[in-house]
Amino acid sequence: MLVADKWTQYRILDAGDGEKVEYWNGYILRRPDPQVIWPWSKPARVREDVHGIYHRSKSGGGQWEFRKPLPESWTITYGKLKFRVEPTGFKHTGLFPEQAVNWDWMIRTIQGAGRPINVLNLFAYTGGATCACLSAGASVCHVDASKGMVSWAKENIGLSGLSERPVRYIVDDCIKFVQREIRRGRTYDAVIMDPPSYGRGPGGEVWKLEDALYSLVDLLTNVLSEKPLFFLLNSYTAGFSSRVSANILEMALTDKFGGKVTHGEVGLPIADTNLVLPCGTFARWEA
């Protein structure tokens, strides 16, 4: 497991009974997390003295209970990168801190390439990976089906001082966009994918991970340059081993480009304990 333990403005204070308590640069939020099936390990005050708690609804969704004054949004910094954080109506805050281990890896890989790198970031959300790649000197095509998420990504790129870097913002269904890029003959040196388990494109297109993942990865081999650098596939789908993602990359990429595939989990440390919260899986193909 790769543990994102280099944060200074974020940490998990405690986790238990299906929830986690997180410090976000001055503010403390308590949110559900299905991985947490163990009891709380710290005094009750740690989980009670919070700014906001997200309560799930039995009928789906949920809502925030705010116990202390909390701004509508604020910023958090990781190294040279800066992001806007906001408690949204669907539990998320706009940032997945565990992905910092992948940001660090992408920055090292791009900087070590010794040549210009063009990155395609699909299902790109609020642009954490886009910011990381831009900061390393790459150009990025940022694609997400949500106009609101792409606007949020633009804001994060601006906060990180990267607005002048070469980036394209695309609001579109990822599969349809890739098909058009193939017809245009456009290629990329690296691909990042963080696909949802289930979703809909801007035109109502349905995405189901188990039905579409291999075919999309295979399709993407047609937009890779002659000397691709890396392919990163993240997954938050419950029950999917990282080996599943690794197998897909092995079948789609290594026969065609050589290279190697590594895979595993990403996680976050729980402060002042030996516990680590699992937060999804990754598979990486490298030239």
Protein backbone atom coordinates (compact mmCIF):
# COMPACT_ATOMS: atom_id res chain seq x y z
CA MET A 1 0.00 0.00 0.00
CA LEU A 2 1.14 3.53 -0.83
CA VAL A 3 0.34 5.83 2.10
CA ALA A 4 -0.12 9.57 1.54
CA ASP A 5 1.73 10.72 4.65
CA LYS A 6 3.31 13.98 3.43
CA TRP A 7 0.34 16.28 4.04
CA THR A 8 0.81 19.17 6.47
CA GLN A 9 -2.66 20.75 6.18
CA TYR A 10 -4.72 17.55 6.10
CA ARG A 11 -4.94 14.54 8.40
CA ILE A 12 -7.39 11.93 9.64
CA LEU A 13 -7.84 12.53 13.37
CA ASP A 14 -9.82 9.35 14.05
CA ALA A 15 -11.98 6.77 12.31
CA GLY A 16 -14.55 4.33 13.66
CA ASP A 17 -18.05 2.90 13.28
CA GLY A 18 -18.33 3.76 9.61
CA GLU A 19 -17.04 7.35 9.85
CA LYS A 20 -13.84 9.36 9.70
CA VAL A 21 -12.89 12.69 11.29
CA GLU A 22 -10.66 14.84 9.10
CA TYR A 23 -8.70 18.05 9.66
CA TRP A 24 -8.78 20.29 6.57
CA ASN A 25 -6.48 23.26 7.15
CA GLY A 26 -8.20 24.66 10.23
CA TYR A 27 -11.60 22.99 9.91
CA ILE A 28 -12.73 19.56 11.06
CA LEU A 29 -15.28 17.47 9.17
CA ARG A 30 -16.83 14.09 10.01
CA ARG A 31 -17.96 11.98 7.07
CA PRO A 32 -19.14 8.41 6.41
CA ASP A 33 -16.63 5.88 5.11
CA PRO A 34 -17.75 2.31 4.37
CA GLN A 35 -14.23 0.90 4.89
CA VAL A 36 -14.27 1.82 8.58
CA ILE A 37 -15.76 -1.27 10.21
CA TRP A 38 -13.71 -0.99 13.42
CA PRO A 39 -14.61 1.00 16.59
CA TRP A 40 -13.41 4.51 17.43
CA SER A 41 -9.96 4.49 19.05
CA LYS A 42 -9.89 7.96 20.61
CA PRO A 43 -12.00 9.88 23.17
CA ALA A 44 -15.48 10.96 22.07
CA ARG A 45 -14.49 14.64 22.08
CA VAL A 46 -12.33 14.04 18.98
CA ARG A 47 -15.39 13.08 16.91
CA GLU A 48 -17.80 15.48 18.62
CA ASP A 49 -15.73 18.69 18.49
CA VAL A 50 -16.13 19.20 14.74
CA HIS A 51 -17.30 21.95 12.40
CA GLY A 52 -19.55 19.72 10.34
CA ILE A 53 -20.99 16.19 10.21
CA TYR A 54 -22.43 14.59 7.09
CA HIS A 55 -25.46 12.44 7.85
CA ARG A 56 -26.51 9.84 5.32
CA SER A 57 -30.20 9.51 4.50
CA LYS A 58 -31.82 6.06 4.49
CA SER A 59 -33.43 7.00 1.18
CA GLY A 60 -30.08 7.95 -0.39
CA GLY A 61 -27.94 11.07 -0.32
CA GLY A 62 -27.71 13.02 2.91
CA GLN A 63 -27.02 16.42 4.39
CA TRP A 64 -24.53 18.36 6.48
CA GLU A 65 -25.07 19.36 10.11
CA PHE A 66 -22.87 22.36 10.86
CA ARG A 67 -21.94 22.74 14.53
CA LYS A 68 -19.46 25.62 14.23
CA PRO A 69 -19.09 28.52 11.79
CA LEU A 70 -17.64 27.25 8.54
CA PRO A 71 -16.85 29.21 5.35
CA GLU A 72 -18.55 28.16 2.16
CA SER A 73 -15.12 27.11 0.89
CA TRP A 74 -11.45 27.48 1.78
CA THR A 75 -8.05 26.39 0.46
CA ILE A 76 -5.60 23.65 1.32
CA THR A 77 -1.99 23.30 0.17
CA TYR A 78 0.09 20.28 -0.81
CA GLY A 79 3.65 21.24 -1.68
CA LYS A 80 3.34 23.89 -4.40
CA LEU A 81 -0.25 22.92 -5.21
CA LYS A 82 -3.31 24.64 -3.80
CA PHE A 83 -6.91 23.47 -3.90
CA ARG A 84 -10.34 24.80 -2.98
CA VAL A 85 -12.19 22.66 -0.44
CA GLU A 86 -15.96 22.78 -0.07
CA PRO A 87 -18.38 20.47 1.80
CA THR A 88 -20.71 19.47 -1.03
CA GLY A 89 -24.22 18.09 -0.86
CA PHE A 90 -22.97 14.67 -1.96
CA LYS A 91 -20.52 14.25 0.96
CA HIS A 92 -17.33 14.99 -0.96
CA THR A 93 -15.07 18.01 -0.46
CA GLY A 94 -13.67 18.28 -3.97
CA LEU A 95 -10.38 16.59 -3.13
CA PHE A 96 -9.13 13.04 -2.54
CA PRO A 97 -6.01 13.50 -0.36
CA GLU A 98 -4.84 9.90 -0.84
CA GLN A 99 -4.14 10.73 -4.49
CA ALA A 100 -1.11 12.75 -3.38
CA VAL A 101 0.98 9.57 -3.73
CA ASN A 102 0.06 9.46 -7.41
CA TRP A 103 0.67 13.20 -7.86
CA ASP A 104 4.20 12.76 -6.47
CA TRP A 105 4.85 9.81 -8.76
CA MET A 106 3.57 11.62 -11.86
CA ILE A 107 5.68 14.70 -11.09
CA ARG A 108 8.83 12.57 -10.74
CA THR A 109 8.06 10.58 -13.88
CA ILE A 110 7.33 13.62 -16.05
CA GLN A 111 10.35 15.54 -14.80
CA GLY A 112 12.55 12.50 -15.38
CA ALA A 113 11.39 12.00 -18.97
CA GLY A 114 13.75 14.61 -20.40
CA ARG A 115 11.27 15.59 -23.11
CA PRO A 116 7.95 17.40 -23.50
CA ILE A 117 5.05 15.30 -22.21
CA ASN A 118 1.41 15.63 -23.28
CA VAL A 119 -1.09 14.17 -20.76
CA LEU A 120 -4.71 13.12 -21.21
CA ASN A 121 -6.62 13.22 -17.90
CA LEU A 122 -10.02 11.49 -18.17
CA PHE A 123 -12.79 11.65 -15.54
CA ALA A 124 -10.56 14.45 -14.28
CA TYR A 125 -12.86 15.82 -11.53
CA THR A 126 -11.47 18.97 -9.85
CA GLY A 127 -8.01 18.62 -11.35
CA GLY A 128 -5.65 17.36 -8.66
CA ALA A 129 -3.73 15.24 -11.18
CA THR A 130 -3.95 18.01 -13.78
CA CYS A 131 -2.32 20.45 -11.36
CA ALA A 132 0.42 17.95 -10.56
CA CYS A 133 1.24 17.29 -14.22
CA LEU A 134 1.19 20.99 -15.14
CA SER A 135 3.51 21.76 -12.23
CA ALA A 136 5.94 19.15 -13.58
CA GLY A 137 6.06 20.89 -16.95
CA ALA A 138 3.61 18.75 -18.94
CA SER A 139 0.76 19.94 -21.13
CA VAL A 140 -2.64 18.50 -20.15
CA CYS A 141 -6.01 17.83 -21.74
CA HIS A 142 -8.51 17.79 -18.84
CA VAL A 143 -11.76 15.95 -19.60
CA ASP A 144 -14.85 15.55 -17.40
CA ALA A 145 -18.55 15.24 -18.13
CA SER A 146 -19.46 17.77 -15.42
CA LYS A 147 -19.22 21.44 -16.34
CA GLY A 148 -19.15 22.32 -12.63
CA MET A 149 -16.19 20.04 -11.94
CA VAL A 150 -14.25 21.47 -14.88
CA SER A 151 -14.90 25.01 -13.56
CA TRP A 152 -13.64 23.88 -10.14
CA ALA A 153 -10.52 22.45 -11.79
CA LYS A 154 -9.86 25.79 -13.51
CA GLU A 155 -10.05 27.46 -10.11
CA ASN A 156 -7.59 24.98 -8.58
CA ILE A 157 -5.17 25.49 -11.46
CA GLY A 158 -5.38 29.23 -10.88
CA LEU A 159 -4.87 28.87 -7.13
CA SER A 160 -1.78 26.76 -7.84
CA GLY A 161 -0.36 29.51 -10.09
CA LEU A 162 -0.58 27.31 -13.18
CA SER A 163 -3.10 29.18 -15.34
CA GLU A 164 -0.47 30.10 -17.92
CA ARG A 165 0.56 26.47 -18.43
CA PRO A 166 -0.72 24.60 -21.54
CA VAL A 167 -4.07 23.03 -20.59
CA ARG A 168 -7.25 22.27 -22.53
CA TYR A 169 -10.57 21.96 -20.65
CA ILE A 170 -13.13 19.62 -22.19
CA VAL A 171 -16.68 19.03 -20.93
CA ASP A 172 -17.71 15.81 -22.65
CA ASP A 173 -18.38 12.11 -22.37
CA CYS A 174 -14.91 10.56 -22.09
CA ILE A 175 -15.48 7.73 -24.57
CA LYS A 176 -16.92 10.00 -27.25
CA PHE A 177 -14.06 12.45 -26.76
CA VAL A 178 -11.42 9.73 -27.14
CA GLN A 179 -13.12 8.46 -30.31
CA ARG A 180 -12.95 11.96 -31.79
CA GLU A 181 -9.28 12.33 -30.80
CA ILE A 182 -8.50 9.10 -32.65
CA ARG A 183 -10.22 10.42 -35.79
CA ARG A 184 -8.22 13.66 -35.47
CA GLY A 185 -4.97 11.72 -35.16
CA ARG A 186 -4.09 13.44 -31.87
CA THR A 187 -1.82 11.50 -29.50
CA TYR A 188 -0.70 11.69 -25.87
CA ASP A 189 2.38 10.53 -23.99
CA ALA A 190 0.51 9.70 -20.80
CA VAL A 191 -3.05 8.87 -19.75
CA ILE A 192 -4.68 9.22 -16.33
CA MET A 193 -8.04 7.57 -15.64
CA ASP A 194 -10.09 7.87 -12.46
CA PRO A 195 -13.38 6.36 -13.65
CA PRO A 196 -16.52 6.16 -11.49
CA SER A 197 -18.23 2.86 -10.79
CA TYR A 198 -21.34 4.28 -12.43
CA GLY A 199 -22.10 7.56 -14.11
CA ARG A 200 -23.78 9.47 -16.89
CA GLY A 201 -22.28 11.69 -19.57
CA PRO A 202 -23.62 15.15 -20.45
CA GLY A 203 -25.91 13.56 -23.06
CA GLY A 204 -27.22 10.88 -20.69
CA GLU A 205 -24.64 8.29 -21.72
CA VAL A 206 -24.46 5.50 -19.13
CA TRP A 207 -21.07 4.37 -17.80
CA LYS A 208 -20.72 1.10 -15.85
CA LEU A 209 -17.16 0.27 -14.88
CA GLU A 210 -17.32 -3.50 -15.27
CA ASP A 211 -18.90 -3.23 -18.72
CA ALA A 212 -16.76 -0.44 -20.18
CA LEU A 213 -13.34 -0.38 -18.53
CA TYR A 214 -11.37 -2.82 -20.67
CA SER A 215 -12.80 -1.54 -23.93
CA LEU A 216 -11.95 2.05 -22.98
CA VAL A 217 -8.36 1.20 -21.98
CA ASP A 218 -7.99 -0.76 -25.23
CA LEU A 219 -9.44 2.19 -27.16
CA LEU A 220 -6.96 4.53 -25.48
CA THR A 221 -4.00 2.61 -26.87
CA ASN A 222 -4.94 4.31 -30.15
CA VAL A 223 -4.25 7.79 -28.76
CA LEU A 224 -0.92 6.93 -27.16
CA SER A 225 2.17 8.32 -28.83
CA GLU A 226 4.89 6.10 -30.32
CA LYS A 227 6.83 6.39 -27.05
CA PRO A 228 4.27 6.65 -24.25
CA LEU A 229 5.52 7.42 -20.75
CA PHE A 230 2.83 6.13 -18.38
CA PHE A 231 -0.79 5.08 -17.92
CA LEU A 232 -2.41 5.45 -14.49
CA LEU A 233 -5.70 3.73 -13.68
CA ASN A 234 -7.36 4.50 -10.34
CA SER A 235 -10.41 2.74 -8.93
CA TYR A 236 -12.72 3.32 -5.99
CA THR A 237 -15.09 0.49 -6.90
CA ALA A 238 -15.75 -1.75 -3.91
CA GLY A 239 -14.71 -5.35 -4.46
CA PHE A 240 -12.35 -4.59 -7.37
CA SER A 241 -8.83 -5.82 -6.61
CA SER A 242 -5.95 -3.74 -7.94
CA ARG A 243 -4.95 -6.91 -9.77
CA VAL A 244 -8.04 -6.50 -11.96
CA SER A 245 -6.82 -3.09 -13.13
CA ALA A 246 -3.29 -4.45 -13.51
CA ASN A 247 -4.52 -7.31 -15.68
CA ILE A 248 -6.31 -4.86 -17.96
CA LEU A 249 -3.18 -2.74 -18.38
CA GLU A 250 -1.06 -5.84 -18.97
CA MET A 251 -3.38 -7.08 -21.72
CA ALA A 252 -3.95 -3.73 -23.41
CA LEU A 253 -0.50 -2.14 -23.12
CA THR A 254 2.47 -4.42 -22.48
CA ASP A 255 2.07 -6.50 -25.63
CA LYS A 256 2.00 -3.34 -27.70
CA PHE A 257 4.46 -1.09 -25.87
CA GLY A 258 6.47 -3.32 -23.52
CA GLY A 259 7.13 -1.69 -20.16
CA LYS A 260 5.94 -2.86 -16.75
CA VAL A 261 2.81 -2.74 -14.61
CA THR A 262 2.69 -2.18 -10.85
CA HIS A 263 -0.42 -2.10 -8.70
CA GLY A 264 -1.69 -1.81 -5.14
CA GLU A 265 -3.79 0.19 -2.72
CA VAL A 266 -3.60 3.82 -1.69
CA GLY A 267 -4.32 4.88 1.88
CA LEU A 268 -4.17 7.59 4.51
CA PRO A 269 -2.63 7.32 7.97
CA ILE A 270 -4.81 7.87 11.03
CA ALA A 271 -3.00 10.36 13.25
CA ASP A 272 -1.20 9.10 16.35
CA THR A 273 -2.02 5.44 15.62
CA ASN A 274 -0.59 2.59 13.57
CA LEU A 275 -3.82 2.42 11.57
CA VAL A 276 -4.14 3.19 7.88
CA LEU A 277 -7.43 3.85 6.08
CA PRO A 278 -7.63 2.09 2.68
CA CYS A 279 -8.84 4.53 0.01
CA GLY A 280 -8.98 2.69 -3.30
CA THR A 281 -6.60 1.01 -5.71
CA PHE A 282 -4.19 1.95 -8.49
CA ALA A 283 -2.48 0.28 -11.41
CA ARG A 284 0.40 1.96 -13.25
CA TRP A 285 1.93 1.09 -16.58
CA GLU A 286 5.39 2.60 -17.17
CA ALA A 287 7.54 2.48 -20.29
